[in-house]
Amino acid sequence: MDLILHFEKPWKDLGGNIFEAFPLVERKKYVTIMAWCLAFIFLLIGILTTYRICLFLAFVLFLTLLSKRYTVLTKRGLEIFYTMVFTKSYEMWLWEDIYALTHENEPKDKDVIRIYITKGDRSKRLYFKKEDLENIIKLAKENNRKIKIFDAAKHRSELNLIKKNSK
């Protein structure tokens, strides 16, 4: 059921490595089905009763169900592209603006690495395949020589040692 209009992704013609993040947990099929049912129920309530706010709720829920997010790391930086039925939204964090890249293993899945990308006081948590980690770090260092790369497990163990020694 692809009701979303086709929009070209901004990185379509961009050369070099493109690493696409993925959600760790997908929506279960029954959750999506129940959300569609709820949207139609809100629509009917809004039309058949005096509770017009349900029309707004149905509209927002329909938009949410029809939207799709794509998140990638490219040579330009972190790119986030949202598509909906009739519009699109695009956000980019340039490598020059990214302060740090922190990585750690995902305890739920051995083949997945969790990466936090920090820009100013904002961070985004993204999931990538574990085999892409070295190439992502290489890409980050090529495009921003001042970027800080942290291994969260190593940093956490160092903090625990400092806490133990200070007691």
N, C-alpha and C. Protein backbone atom coordinates (compact mmCIF):
# COMPACT_ATOMS: atom_id res chain seq x y z
N MET A 1 0.85 -1.18 0.00
CA MET A 1 0.00 0.00 0.00
C MET A 1 0.89 1.24 0.00
N ASP A 2 1.30 1.68 -1.16
CA ASP A 2 2.19 2.83 -1.26
C ASP A 2 1.41 4.02 -1.80
N LEU A 3 0.73 4.72 -0.91
CA LEU A 3 -0.03 5.90 -1.29
C LEU A 3 0.81 7.16 -1.30
N ILE A 4 2.06 7.03 -0.86
CA ILE A 4 2.94 8.19 -0.77
C ILE A 4 3.41 8.57 -2.17
N LEU A 5 3.32 9.86 -2.48
CA LEU A 5 3.82 10.33 -3.77
C LEU A 5 5.32 10.10 -3.84
N HIS A 6 5.82 9.90 -5.01
CA HIS A 6 7.23 9.61 -5.20
C HIS A 6 8.03 10.91 -5.19
N PHE A 7 8.93 11.04 -4.24
CA PHE A 7 9.85 12.17 -4.18
C PHE A 7 11.26 11.63 -4.32
N GLU A 8 12.07 12.31 -5.10
CA GLU A 8 13.47 11.91 -5.25
C GLU A 8 14.22 12.22 -3.96
N LYS A 9 15.03 11.29 -3.52
CA LYS A 9 15.83 11.51 -2.32
C LYS A 9 16.96 12.48 -2.67
N PRO A 10 17.28 13.41 -1.77
CA PRO A 10 18.30 14.43 -2.07
C PRO A 10 19.69 13.86 -2.34
N TRP A 11 20.00 12.68 -1.88
CA TRP A 11 21.32 12.09 -2.07
C TRP A 11 21.37 11.13 -3.25
N LYS A 12 20.34 11.12 -4.07
CA LYS A 12 20.22 10.17 -5.18
C LYS A 12 21.43 10.21 -6.11
N ASP A 13 21.88 11.40 -6.48
CA ASP A 13 22.98 11.55 -7.43
C ASP A 13 24.33 11.79 -6.75
N LEU A 14 24.37 11.64 -5.45
CA LEU A 14 25.59 11.90 -4.69
C LEU A 14 26.51 10.68 -4.75
N GLY A 15 27.75 10.90 -5.07
CA GLY A 15 28.70 9.80 -5.13
C GLY A 15 29.24 9.46 -3.74
N GLY A 16 30.00 8.40 -3.65
CA GLY A 16 30.59 8.01 -2.38
C GLY A 16 29.69 7.08 -1.59
N ASN A 17 30.16 6.73 -0.42
CA ASN A 17 29.41 5.83 0.44
C ASN A 17 28.19 6.52 1.04
N ILE A 18 27.10 5.81 1.08
CA ILE A 18 25.87 6.28 1.71
C ILE A 18 25.44 5.19 2.68
N PHE A 19 25.41 5.53 3.97
CA PHE A 19 25.04 4.56 5.00
C PHE A 19 23.65 4.90 5.50
N GLU A 20 22.71 3.98 5.28
CA GLU A 20 21.33 4.22 5.69
C GLU A 20 21.06 3.63 7.06
N ALA A 21 20.54 4.47 7.96
CA ALA A 21 20.16 4.01 9.30
C ALA A 21 18.82 3.30 9.20
N PHE A 22 18.56 2.45 10.16
CA PHE A 22 17.29 1.73 10.17
C PHE A 22 16.74 1.72 11.58
N PRO A 23 15.43 1.60 11.71
CA PRO A 23 14.85 1.52 13.06
C PRO A 23 15.16 0.16 13.67
N LEU A 24 15.46 0.14 14.96
CA LEU A 24 15.76 -1.12 15.62
C LEU A 24 14.52 -1.99 15.74
N VAL A 25 13.40 -1.34 16.03
CA VAL A 25 12.14 -2.07 16.17
C VAL A 25 11.14 -1.51 15.16
N GLU A 26 10.69 -2.35 14.28
CA GLU A 26 9.66 -1.94 13.32
C GLU A 26 8.30 -2.02 14.01
N ARG A 27 7.33 -1.25 13.48
CA ARG A 27 5.96 -1.41 13.96
C ARG A 27 5.47 -2.80 13.64
N LYS A 28 4.82 -3.40 14.60
CA LYS A 28 4.22 -4.70 14.33
C LYS A 28 3.02 -4.49 13.41
N LYS A 29 2.72 -5.50 12.63
CA LYS A 29 1.64 -5.39 11.65
C LYS A 29 0.30 -5.08 12.30
N TYR A 30 0.01 -5.71 13.44
CA TYR A 30 -1.27 -5.45 14.09
C TYR A 30 -1.37 -4.02 14.62
N VAL A 31 -0.24 -3.41 14.97
CA VAL A 31 -0.26 -2.02 15.44
C VAL A 31 -0.65 -1.11 14.29
N THR A 32 -0.10 -1.36 13.12
CA THR A 32 -0.45 -0.55 11.95
C THR A 32 -1.91 -0.73 11.58
N ILE A 33 -2.40 -1.96 11.61
CA ILE A 33 -3.81 -2.22 11.28
C ILE A 33 -4.73 -1.52 12.27
N MET A 34 -4.39 -1.60 13.55
CA MET A 34 -5.21 -0.95 14.58
C MET A 34 -5.18 0.57 14.44
N ALA A 35 -4.04 1.12 14.05
CA ALA A 35 -3.95 2.57 13.85
C ALA A 35 -4.84 3.01 12.69
N TRP A 36 -4.86 2.24 11.59
CA TRP A 36 -5.73 2.57 10.46
C TRP A 36 -7.21 2.50 10.90
N CYS A 37 -7.55 1.46 11.66
CA CYS A 37 -8.94 1.34 12.15
C CYS A 37 -9.31 2.52 13.03
N LEU A 38 -8.39 2.90 13.92
CA LEU A 38 -8.64 4.03 14.81
C LEU A 38 -8.81 5.33 14.02
N ALA A 39 -8.01 5.51 12.98
CA ALA A 39 -8.14 6.71 12.15
C ALA A 39 -9.52 6.77 11.49
N PHE A 40 -9.98 5.64 10.97
CA PHE A 40 -11.32 5.62 10.35
C PHE A 40 -12.42 5.82 11.39
N ILE A 41 -12.24 5.28 12.58
CA ILE A 41 -13.22 5.50 13.66
C ILE A 41 -13.28 6.98 14.02
N PHE A 42 -12.10 7.62 14.15
CA PHE A 42 -12.08 9.07 14.42
C PHE A 42 -12.78 9.84 13.31
N LEU A 43 -12.56 9.44 12.07
CA LEU A 43 -13.19 10.10 10.94
C LEU A 43 -14.71 9.99 11.02
N LEU A 44 -15.20 8.80 11.29
CA LEU A 44 -16.65 8.59 11.40
C LEU A 44 -17.24 9.36 12.58
N ILE A 45 -16.57 9.34 13.70
CA ILE A 45 -17.06 10.09 14.86
C ILE A 45 -17.12 11.58 14.54
N GLY A 46 -16.07 12.08 13.86
CA GLY A 46 -16.04 13.50 13.51
C GLY A 46 -17.14 13.89 12.55
N ILE A 47 -17.51 12.99 11.64
CA ILE A 47 -18.56 13.29 10.65
C ILE A 47 -19.95 13.11 11.25
N LEU A 48 -20.16 12.04 12.00
CA LEU A 48 -21.51 11.69 12.47
C LEU A 48 -21.91 12.33 13.79
N THR A 49 -20.98 12.89 14.53
CA THR A 49 -21.33 13.50 15.82
C THR A 49 -20.91 14.97 15.83
N THR A 50 -21.08 15.59 16.97
CA THR A 50 -20.68 17.00 17.10
C THR A 50 -19.23 17.15 17.53
N TYR A 51 -18.54 16.06 17.73
CA TYR A 51 -17.14 16.10 18.17
C TYR A 51 -16.23 16.27 16.95
N ARG A 52 -16.13 17.50 16.47
CA ARG A 52 -15.35 17.80 15.25
C ARG A 52 -13.84 17.66 15.45
N ILE A 53 -13.41 17.67 16.70
CA ILE A 53 -11.99 17.50 16.97
C ILE A 53 -11.49 16.14 16.46
N CYS A 54 -12.38 15.18 16.37
CA CYS A 54 -12.02 13.85 15.87
C CYS A 54 -11.60 13.90 14.40
N LEU A 55 -12.12 14.87 13.64
CA LEU A 55 -11.68 15.04 12.25
C LEU A 55 -10.20 15.41 12.21
N PHE A 56 -9.82 16.31 13.10
CA PHE A 56 -8.42 16.71 13.20
C PHE A 56 -7.55 15.52 13.62
N LEU A 57 -8.00 14.76 14.62
CA LEU A 57 -7.25 13.60 15.07
C LEU A 57 -7.10 12.57 13.95
N ALA A 58 -8.15 12.35 13.19
CA ALA A 58 -8.10 11.41 12.07
C ALA A 58 -7.09 11.90 11.02
N PHE A 59 -7.12 13.19 10.71
CA PHE A 59 -6.20 13.76 9.74
C PHE A 59 -4.75 13.58 10.18
N VAL A 60 -4.46 13.88 11.43
CA VAL A 60 -3.09 13.74 11.94
C VAL A 60 -2.65 12.28 11.93
N LEU A 61 -3.53 11.39 12.32
CA LEU A 61 -3.20 9.97 12.33
C LEU A 61 -2.98 9.44 10.92
N PHE A 62 -3.80 9.88 9.96
CA PHE A 62 -3.58 9.48 8.56
C PHE A 62 -2.22 9.96 8.07
N LEU A 63 -1.87 11.21 8.37
CA LEU A 63 -0.56 11.73 7.95
C LEU A 63 0.58 10.94 8.57
N THR A 64 0.45 10.60 9.83
CA THR A 64 1.48 9.82 10.50
C THR A 64 1.65 8.44 9.86
N LEU A 65 0.55 7.82 9.54
CA LEU A 65 0.61 6.48 8.94
C LEU A 65 1.17 6.52 7.51
N LEU A 66 0.99 7.64 6.84
CA LEU A 66 1.46 7.74 5.45
C LEU A 66 2.85 8.34 5.32
N SER A 67 3.45 8.75 6.43
CA SER A 67 4.77 9.37 6.35
C SER A 67 5.86 8.31 6.44
N LYS A 68 7.00 8.63 5.87
CA LYS A 68 8.16 7.74 5.88
C LYS A 68 9.40 8.57 6.10
N ARG A 69 10.31 8.07 6.95
CA ARG A 69 11.55 8.80 7.24
C ARG A 69 12.73 8.01 6.72
N TYR A 70 13.63 8.70 6.05
CA TYR A 70 14.89 8.13 5.59
C TYR A 70 16.01 8.89 6.26
N THR A 71 16.95 8.19 6.88
CA THR A 71 18.09 8.82 7.54
C THR A 71 19.36 8.17 7.02
N VAL A 72 20.27 9.00 6.51
CA VAL A 72 21.51 8.48 5.95
C VAL A 72 22.69 9.35 6.38
N LEU A 73 23.87 8.75 6.34
CA LEU A 73 25.13 9.47 6.49
C LEU A 73 25.80 9.48 5.13
N THR A 74 26.13 10.67 4.66
CA THR A 74 26.79 10.82 3.36
C THR A 74 28.04 11.67 3.55
N LYS A 75 28.72 11.97 2.46
CA LYS A 75 29.90 12.83 2.56
C LYS A 75 29.54 14.26 2.95
N ARG A 76 28.26 14.63 2.82
CA ARG A 76 27.81 15.96 3.24
C ARG A 76 27.51 16.03 4.73
N GLY A 77 27.11 14.90 5.33
CA GLY A 77 26.77 14.87 6.75
C GLY A 77 25.59 13.95 7.00
N LEU A 78 24.84 14.26 8.05
CA LEU A 78 23.64 13.50 8.40
C LEU A 78 22.47 14.12 7.66
N GLU A 79 21.77 13.32 6.88
CA GLU A 79 20.65 13.81 6.09
C GLU A 79 19.39 13.04 6.48
N ILE A 80 18.33 13.80 6.80
CA ILE A 80 17.06 13.21 7.20
C ILE A 80 16.00 13.72 6.24
N PHE A 81 15.27 12.80 5.63
CA PHE A 81 14.29 13.13 4.61
C PHE A 81 12.97 12.49 4.98
N TYR A 82 11.93 13.30 5.16
CA TYR A 82 10.59 12.82 5.48
C TYR A 82 9.71 12.99 4.25
N THR A 83 8.92 11.96 3.93
CA THR A 83 7.94 12.09 2.85
C THR A 83 6.56 11.82 3.41
N MET A 84 5.60 12.59 2.91
CA MET A 84 4.20 12.38 3.27
C MET A 84 3.41 12.33 1.97
N VAL A 85 2.11 12.35 2.08
CA VAL A 85 1.26 12.21 0.90
C VAL A 85 1.51 13.35 -0.08
N PHE A 86 1.55 14.57 0.41
CA PHE A 86 1.59 15.71 -0.50
C PHE A 86 2.75 16.65 -0.22
N THR A 87 3.64 16.30 0.68
CA THR A 87 4.75 17.19 0.99
C THR A 87 5.98 16.38 1.39
N LYS A 88 7.07 17.09 1.54
CA LYS A 88 8.32 16.47 1.99
C LYS A 88 9.05 17.45 2.90
N SER A 89 9.95 16.93 3.68
CA SER A 89 10.75 17.76 4.58
C SER A 89 12.17 17.21 4.57
N TYR A 90 13.13 18.10 4.65
CA TYR A 90 14.52 17.69 4.54
C TYR A 90 15.35 18.46 5.57
N GLU A 91 16.19 17.73 6.29
CA GLU A 91 17.06 18.34 7.29
C GLU A 91 18.46 17.78 7.10
N MET A 92 19.47 18.63 7.21
CA MET A 92 20.84 18.17 7.04
C MET A 92 21.71 18.75 8.14
N TRP A 93 22.51 17.89 8.76
CA TRP A 93 23.56 18.31 9.69
C TRP A 93 24.87 18.15 8.94
N LEU A 94 25.53 19.26 8.64
CA LEU A 94 26.81 19.22 7.94
C LEU A 94 27.88 18.65 8.87
N TRP A 95 28.88 17.99 8.28
CA TRP A 95 29.95 17.41 9.09
C TRP A 95 30.68 18.49 9.88
N GLU A 96 30.81 19.68 9.35
CA GLU A 96 31.50 20.76 10.05
C GLU A 96 30.79 21.14 11.35
N ASP A 97 29.47 20.94 11.40
CA ASP A 97 28.67 21.30 12.57
C ASP A 97 28.57 20.17 13.59
N ILE A 98 28.94 18.97 13.20
CA ILE A 98 28.83 17.82 14.10
C ILE A 98 30.04 17.79 15.01
N TYR A 99 29.78 17.76 16.32
CA TYR A 99 30.84 17.79 17.32
C TYR A 99 31.40 16.41 17.62
N ALA A 100 30.52 15.42 17.80
CA ALA A 100 30.98 14.11 18.24
C ALA A 100 30.17 12.99 17.63
N LEU A 101 30.81 11.84 17.56
CA LEU A 101 30.18 10.61 17.11
C LEU A 101 30.51 9.56 18.18
N THR A 102 29.49 9.07 18.85
CA THR A 102 29.68 8.08 19.92
C THR A 102 29.04 6.78 19.48
N HIS A 103 29.76 5.67 19.64
CA HIS A 103 29.22 4.38 19.20
C HIS A 103 29.28 3.38 20.33
N GLU A 104 28.31 2.47 20.31
CA GLU A 104 28.30 1.36 21.25
C GLU A 104 27.53 0.21 20.64
N ASN A 105 27.80 -0.98 21.14
CA ASN A 105 27.10 -2.17 20.66
C ASN A 105 25.67 -2.16 21.17
N GLU A 106 24.79 -2.66 20.35
CA GLU A 106 23.39 -2.79 20.74
C GLU A 106 23.22 -4.11 21.48
N PRO A 107 22.81 -4.08 22.75
CA PRO A 107 22.70 -5.34 23.49
C PRO A 107 21.62 -6.29 22.96
N LYS A 108 20.61 -5.77 22.29
CA LYS A 108 19.52 -6.62 21.79
C LYS A 108 19.88 -7.36 20.51
N ASP A 109 20.86 -6.83 19.77
CA ASP A 109 21.21 -7.43 18.47
C ASP A 109 22.71 -7.31 18.26
N LYS A 110 23.38 -8.42 18.10
CA LYS A 110 24.84 -8.44 17.96
C LYS A 110 25.34 -7.85 16.64
N ASP A 111 24.49 -7.80 15.63
CA ASP A 111 24.90 -7.31 14.31
C ASP A 111 24.62 -5.82 14.12
N VAL A 112 24.18 -5.14 15.18
CA VAL A 112 23.78 -3.74 15.08
C VAL A 112 24.66 -2.89 15.99
N ILE A 113 25.00 -1.72 15.51
CA ILE A 113 25.76 -0.75 16.29
C ILE A 113 24.90 0.49 16.48
N ARG A 114 24.91 1.02 17.67
CA ARG A 114 24.15 2.24 17.99
C ARG A 114 25.11 3.41 17.92
N ILE A 115 24.75 4.44 17.14
CA ILE A 115 25.62 5.61 16.98
C ILE A 115 24.84 6.85 17.38
N TYR A 116 25.46 7.65 18.25
CA TYR A 116 24.90 8.94 18.66
C TYR A 116 25.69 10.02 17.93
N ILE A 117 24.98 10.88 17.22
CA ILE A 117 25.62 11.98 16.51
C ILE A 117 25.21 13.27 17.22
N THR A 118 26.21 14.04 17.64
CA THR A 118 25.97 15.23 18.46
C THR A 118 26.33 16.49 17.69
N LYS A 119 25.38 17.41 17.68
CA LYS A 119 25.57 18.73 17.06
C LYS A 119 25.08 19.75 18.09
N GLY A 120 25.99 20.53 18.63
CA GLY A 120 25.61 21.49 19.66
C GLY A 120 25.07 20.76 20.88
N ASP A 121 23.85 21.08 21.27
CA ASP A 121 23.24 20.41 22.43
C ASP A 121 22.21 19.36 22.00
N ARG A 122 22.20 19.01 20.73
CA ARG A 122 21.27 17.99 20.21
C ARG A 122 22.03 16.74 19.82
N SER A 123 21.40 15.60 20.08
CA SER A 123 21.96 14.31 19.66
C SER A 123 20.89 13.49 18.98
N LYS A 124 21.30 12.69 18.04
CA LYS A 124 20.40 11.75 17.37
C LYS A 124 20.98 10.36 17.54
N ARG A 125 20.11 9.42 17.91
CA ARG A 125 20.51 8.02 18.04
C ARG A 125 20.08 7.28 16.79
N LEU A 126 21.05 6.63 16.15
CA LEU A 126 20.80 5.92 14.91
C LEU A 126 21.37 4.51 15.01
N TYR A 127 20.79 3.60 14.25
CA TYR A 127 21.25 2.21 14.23
C TYR A 127 21.76 1.86 12.84
N PHE A 128 22.95 1.25 12.82
CA PHE A 128 23.58 0.84 11.57
C PHE A 128 24.06 -0.60 11.71
N LYS A 129 24.42 -1.19 10.58
CA LYS A 129 25.02 -2.52 10.61
C LYS A 129 26.41 -2.40 11.21
N LYS A 130 26.79 -3.39 12.00
CA LYS A 130 28.07 -3.36 12.71
C LYS A 130 29.25 -3.28 11.74
N GLU A 131 29.14 -3.93 10.59
CA GLU A 131 30.26 -3.93 9.65
C GLU A 131 30.50 -2.56 9.02
N ASP A 132 29.55 -1.64 9.14
CA ASP A 132 29.70 -0.30 8.58
C ASP A 132 30.40 0.67 9.52
N LEU A 133 30.65 0.28 10.77
CA LEU A 133 31.19 1.21 11.77
C LEU A 133 32.51 1.82 11.34
N GLU A 134 33.47 1.01 10.93
CA GLU A 134 34.79 1.54 10.55
C GLU A 134 34.69 2.51 9.37
N ASN A 135 33.85 2.19 8.40
CA ASN A 135 33.68 3.09 7.25
C ASN A 135 32.98 4.39 7.65
N ILE A 136 32.05 4.32 8.61
CA ILE A 136 31.38 5.54 9.08
C ILE A 136 32.37 6.43 9.81
N ILE A 137 33.20 5.83 10.66
CA ILE A 137 34.22 6.62 11.37
C ILE A 137 35.20 7.24 10.38
N LYS A 138 35.60 6.47 9.39
CA LYS A 138 36.51 6.99 8.35
C LYS A 138 35.85 8.16 7.61
N LEU A 139 34.58 8.01 7.25
CA LEU A 139 33.85 9.08 6.57
C LEU A 139 33.78 10.33 7.44
N ALA A 140 33.51 10.15 8.72
CA ALA A 140 33.42 11.29 9.64
C ALA A 140 34.76 12.02 9.75
N LYS A 141 35.85 11.28 9.89
CA LYS A 141 37.17 11.90 10.04
C LYS A 141 37.64 12.57 8.74
N GLU A 142 37.25 12.01 7.59
CA GLU A 142 37.62 12.63 6.32
C GLU A 142 36.95 13.98 6.14
N ASN A 143 35.72 14.10 6.62
CA ASN A 143 34.95 15.31 6.38
C ASN A 143 34.98 16.31 7.53
N ASN A 144 35.46 15.91 8.70
CA ASN A 144 35.59 16.82 9.83
C ASN A 144 36.76 16.33 10.69
N ARG A 145 37.89 17.00 10.55
CA ARG A 145 39.08 16.55 11.28
C ARG A 145 38.99 16.81 12.77
N LYS A 146 38.11 17.72 13.19
CA LYS A 146 37.97 18.05 14.61
C LYS A 146 36.93 17.19 15.33
N ILE A 147 36.26 16.30 14.62
CA ILE A 147 35.20 15.50 15.24
C ILE A 147 35.78 14.59 16.31
N LYS A 148 35.07 14.46 17.39
CA LYS A 148 35.47 13.57 18.49
C LYS A 148 34.75 12.23 18.30
N ILE A 149 35.51 11.15 18.36
CA ILE A 149 34.96 9.81 18.24
C ILE A 149 35.08 9.14 19.60
N PHE A 150 33.97 8.68 20.13
CA PHE A 150 33.95 8.04 21.45
C PHE A 150 33.43 6.62 21.33
N ASP A 151 34.08 5.73 22.06
CA ASP A 151 33.56 4.37 22.25
C ASP A 151 32.86 4.39 23.60
N ALA A 152 31.56 4.27 23.62
CA ALA A 152 30.78 4.44 24.85
C ALA A 152 31.15 3.41 25.91
N ALA A 153 31.39 2.17 25.52
CA ALA A 153 31.72 1.13 26.50
C ALA A 153 33.07 1.44 27.17
N LYS A 154 34.05 1.86 26.39
CA LYS A 154 35.37 2.20 26.93
C LYS A 154 35.27 3.42 27.83
N HIS A 155 34.54 4.42 27.38
CA HIS A 155 34.38 5.66 28.16
C HIS A 155 33.64 5.38 29.47
N ARG A 156 32.63 4.52 29.42
CA ARG A 156 31.86 4.17 30.61
C ARG A 156 32.73 3.45 31.63
N SER A 157 33.60 2.53 31.17
CA SER A 157 34.48 1.81 32.09
C SER A 157 35.51 2.75 32.72
N GLU A 158 36.00 3.74 31.96
CA GLU A 158 36.93 4.72 32.52
C GLU A 158 36.24 5.57 33.59
N LEU A 159 34.99 5.95 33.36
CA LEU A 159 34.25 6.71 34.36
C LEU A 159 34.02 5.90 35.63
N ASN A 160 33.74 4.62 35.47
CA ASN A 160 33.57 3.75 36.65
C ASN A 160 34.85 3.63 37.45
N LEU A 161 36.01 3.56 36.78
CA LEU A 161 37.30 3.52 37.48
C LEU A 161 37.54 4.80 38.25
N ILE A 162 37.21 5.92 37.65
CA ILE A 162 37.39 7.21 38.31
C ILE A 162 36.49 7.30 39.55
N LYS A 163 35.26 6.83 39.44
CA LYS A 163 34.33 6.83 40.58
C LYS A 163 34.86 5.96 41.71
N LYS A 164 35.36 4.77 41.38
CA LYS A 164 35.89 3.85 42.40
C LYS A 164 37.11 4.44 43.09
N ASN A 165 37.99 5.09 42.33
CA ASN A 165 39.20 5.66 42.90
C ASN A 165 38.91 6.89 43.75
N SER A 166 37.84 7.60 43.47
CA SER A 166 37.52 8.81 44.24
C SER A 166 36.84 8.50 45.56
N LYS A 167 36.36 7.27 45.74
CA LYS A 167 35.70 6.91 46.99
C LYS A 167 36.67 6.63 48.03
